[in-house]
Amino acid sequence: MKEFQFRLQKVLDTCKLKENLIEVKLAELERLAETQRVNLALMEQRRGEILLERGERRNNGASIKIEEEMLYERCLEDLEIRVEKMKVFIKQLEEQIRRTREELVAAAIERKVVEKVKEKQHEEFTLEVTRNDQKALDEIAVQSYLRR
């Protein structure tokens, strides 16, 4: 009995490889996005600490030098700009993650279609082998009947 050979096995292997590569890309993007979210939280926390420190210095009754006030303002402005850039970057990452998920779904559907074709061809192959075996058995039965 000959072995089942799927004509589109290389296509199926390529579909699986493509799906795996997209999964890896998605995992990397999600890890990067999570890292950036943590960095954003740290920047916002630092901004809060600076505001608190400046407020405490103002409330202590000690006069703040203009240079110190300008330093606080520059630091806060810089942090605000970095926070806004980080938010834009995270939004872009989330959009890229969404598109990559869509690619992953499409790749999975493509792989499943090829696997269905393989299953159907395997069933047809099995049915054909069964028919051929049955024909051979019938022929043997007819030959043995005729010999008696």
Protein backbone atom coordinates (compact mmCIF):
# COMPACT_ATOMS: atom_id res chain seq x y z
CA MET A 1 0.00 0.00 0.00
CA LYS A 2 1.39 3.36 -0.98
CA GLU A 3 1.69 6.19 1.50
CA PHE A 4 -0.46 9.32 1.45
CA GLN A 5 1.37 12.25 -0.15
CA PHE A 6 -0.24 15.68 0.26
CA ARG A 7 0.55 17.75 -2.82
CA LEU A 8 0.28 21.03 -0.91
CA GLN A 9 2.41 20.02 2.10
CA LYS A 10 4.95 22.77 1.40
CA VAL A 11 2.12 25.31 1.24
CA LEU A 12 0.83 24.05 4.58
CA ASP A 13 4.32 24.22 6.10
CA THR A 14 4.69 27.77 4.79
CA CYS A 15 1.31 28.74 6.29
CA LYS A 16 2.34 27.33 9.67
CA LEU A 17 5.68 29.12 9.53
CA LYS A 18 4.00 32.39 8.59
CA GLU A 19 1.56 32.03 11.47
CA ASN A 20 4.38 31.30 13.92
CA LEU A 21 6.38 34.32 12.73
CA ILE A 22 3.35 36.58 13.16
CA GLU A 23 2.79 35.17 16.68
CA VAL A 24 6.41 35.99 17.57
CA LYS A 25 6.06 39.50 16.11
CA LEU A 26 2.84 40.02 18.09
CA ALA A 27 4.48 38.86 21.32
CA GLU A 28 7.40 41.26 20.75
CA LEU A 29 5.04 44.17 20.06
CA GLU A 30 2.97 43.42 23.15
CA ARG A 31 6.12 43.16 25.29
CA LEU A 32 7.38 46.49 23.89
CA ALA A 33 4.01 48.15 24.51
CA GLU A 34 3.96 46.89 28.10
CA THR A 35 7.48 48.20 28.67
CA GLN A 36 6.49 51.59 27.28
CA ARG A 37 3.39 51.69 29.49
CA VAL A 38 5.58 51.03 32.53
CA ASN A 39 7.97 53.80 31.40
CA LEU A 40 5.02 56.16 30.94
CA ALA A 41 3.77 55.38 34.44
CA LEU A 42 7.24 56.04 35.84
CA MET A 43 7.44 59.37 34.01
CA GLU A 44 4.03 60.40 35.31
CA GLN A 45 5.04 59.31 38.80
CA ARG A 46 8.23 61.39 38.53
CA ARG A 47 6.18 64.38 37.36
CA GLY A 48 3.96 63.99 40.42
CA GLU A 49 7.00 63.79 42.68
CA ILE A 50 8.43 67.00 41.20
CA LEU A 51 5.10 68.80 41.61
CA LEU A 52 4.88 67.59 45.22
CA GLU A 53 8.44 68.64 45.96
CA ARG A 54 7.87 72.09 44.47
CA GLY A 55 4.61 72.46 46.40
CA GLU A 56 6.27 71.46 49.68
CA ARG A 57 9.07 73.97 49.14
CA ARG A 58 6.51 76.69 48.45
CA ASN A 59 4.40 75.78 51.49
CA ASN A 60 7.31 75.61 53.91
CA GLY A 61 7.52 79.36 53.79
CA ALA A 62 11.03 79.25 52.44
CA SER A 63 11.40 81.43 49.46
CA ILE A 64 12.23 79.69 46.24
CA LYS A 65 14.80 81.28 44.07
CA ILE A 66 13.75 82.19 40.57
CA GLU A 67 16.42 79.89 39.18
CA GLU A 68 14.96 76.97 41.13
CA GLU A 69 11.43 77.81 39.96
CA MET A 70 12.65 78.00 36.37
CA LEU A 71 14.43 74.67 36.81
CA TYR A 72 11.22 73.07 38.11
CA GLU A 73 9.27 74.53 35.18
CA ARG A 74 11.80 73.34 32.59
CA CYS A 75 11.89 69.90 34.15
CA LEU A 76 8.08 69.69 34.20
CA GLU A 77 7.82 70.93 30.61
CA ASP A 78 10.40 68.40 29.49
CA LEU A 79 8.58 65.59 31.29
CA GLU A 80 5.25 66.71 29.80
CA ILE A 81 6.71 66.64 26.29
CA ARG A 82 8.21 63.20 26.88
CA VAL A 83 4.91 61.94 28.33
CA GLU A 84 3.00 63.17 25.28
CA LYS A 85 5.52 61.58 22.89
CA MET A 86 5.31 58.35 24.84
CA LYS A 87 1.49 58.39 24.67
CA VAL A 88 1.64 58.88 20.89
CA PHE A 89 4.18 56.07 20.57
CA ILE A 90 2.04 53.73 22.69
CA LYS A 91 -1.01 54.56 20.59
CA GLN A 92 0.97 53.72 17.43
CA LEU A 93 2.12 50.46 19.02
CA GLU A 94 -1.45 49.54 19.92
CA GLU A 95 -2.53 50.18 16.33
CA GLN A 96 0.33 48.01 15.09
CA ILE A 97 -0.69 45.29 17.56
CA ARG A 98 -4.27 45.45 16.26
CA ARG A 99 -3.08 45.08 12.66
CA THR A 100 -0.76 42.22 13.62
CA ARG A 101 -3.63 40.43 15.35
CA GLU A 102 -5.67 40.76 12.17
CA GLU A 103 -2.74 39.31 10.20
CA LEU A 104 -2.56 36.44 12.68
CA VAL A 105 -6.26 35.69 12.29
CA ALA A 106 -5.92 35.75 8.49
CA ALA A 107 -2.87 33.45 8.63
CA ALA A 108 -4.71 31.03 10.94
CA ILE A 109 -7.70 30.95 8.59
CA GLU A 110 -5.40 30.31 5.62
CA ARG A 111 -3.67 27.46 7.48
CA LYS A 112 -7.00 25.92 8.50
CA VAL A 113 -8.24 26.01 4.90
CA VAL A 114 -5.15 24.14 3.71
CA GLU A 115 -5.49 21.66 6.59
CA LYS A 116 -9.13 21.02 5.60
CA VAL A 117 -7.98 20.33 2.04
CA LYS A 118 -5.38 17.92 3.42
CA GLU A 119 -7.98 16.14 5.57
CA LYS A 120 -10.35 15.83 2.62
CA GLN A 121 -7.64 14.48 0.34
CA HIS A 122 -6.55 12.04 3.04
CA GLU A 123 -10.13 10.79 3.41
CA GLU A 124 -10.38 10.38 -0.37
CA PHE A 125 -7.05 8.53 -0.38
CA THR A 126 -8.20 6.23 2.42
CA LEU A 127 -11.48 5.56 0.63
CA GLU A 128 -9.66 4.76 -2.62
CA VAL A 129 -7.27 2.39 -0.83
CA THR A 130 -10.22 0.69 0.85
CA ARG A 131 -11.98 0.29 -2.51
CA ASN A 132 -8.84 -1.12 -4.13
CA ASP A 133 -8.36 -3.54 -1.24
CA GLN A 134 -11.99 -4.62 -1.51
CA LYS A 135 -11.64 -5.13 -5.28
CA ALA A 136 -8.55 -7.25 -4.69
CA LEU A 137 -10.36 -9.33 -2.06
CA ASP A 138 -13.38 -9.74 -4.37
CA GLU A 139 -11.10 -10.84 -7.20
CA ILE A 140 -9.40 -13.37 -4.91
CA ALA A 141 -12.81 -14.66 -3.79
CA VAL A 142 -14.01 -15.00 -7.41
CA GLN A 143 -10.81 -16.79 -8.43
CA SER A 144 -11.01 -19.22 -5.52
CA TYR A 145 -14.71 -19.90 -6.29
CA LEU A 146 -13.95 -20.59 -9.94
CA ARG A 147 -11.14 -22.98 -9.01
CA ARG A 148 -13.44 -25.20 -6.95
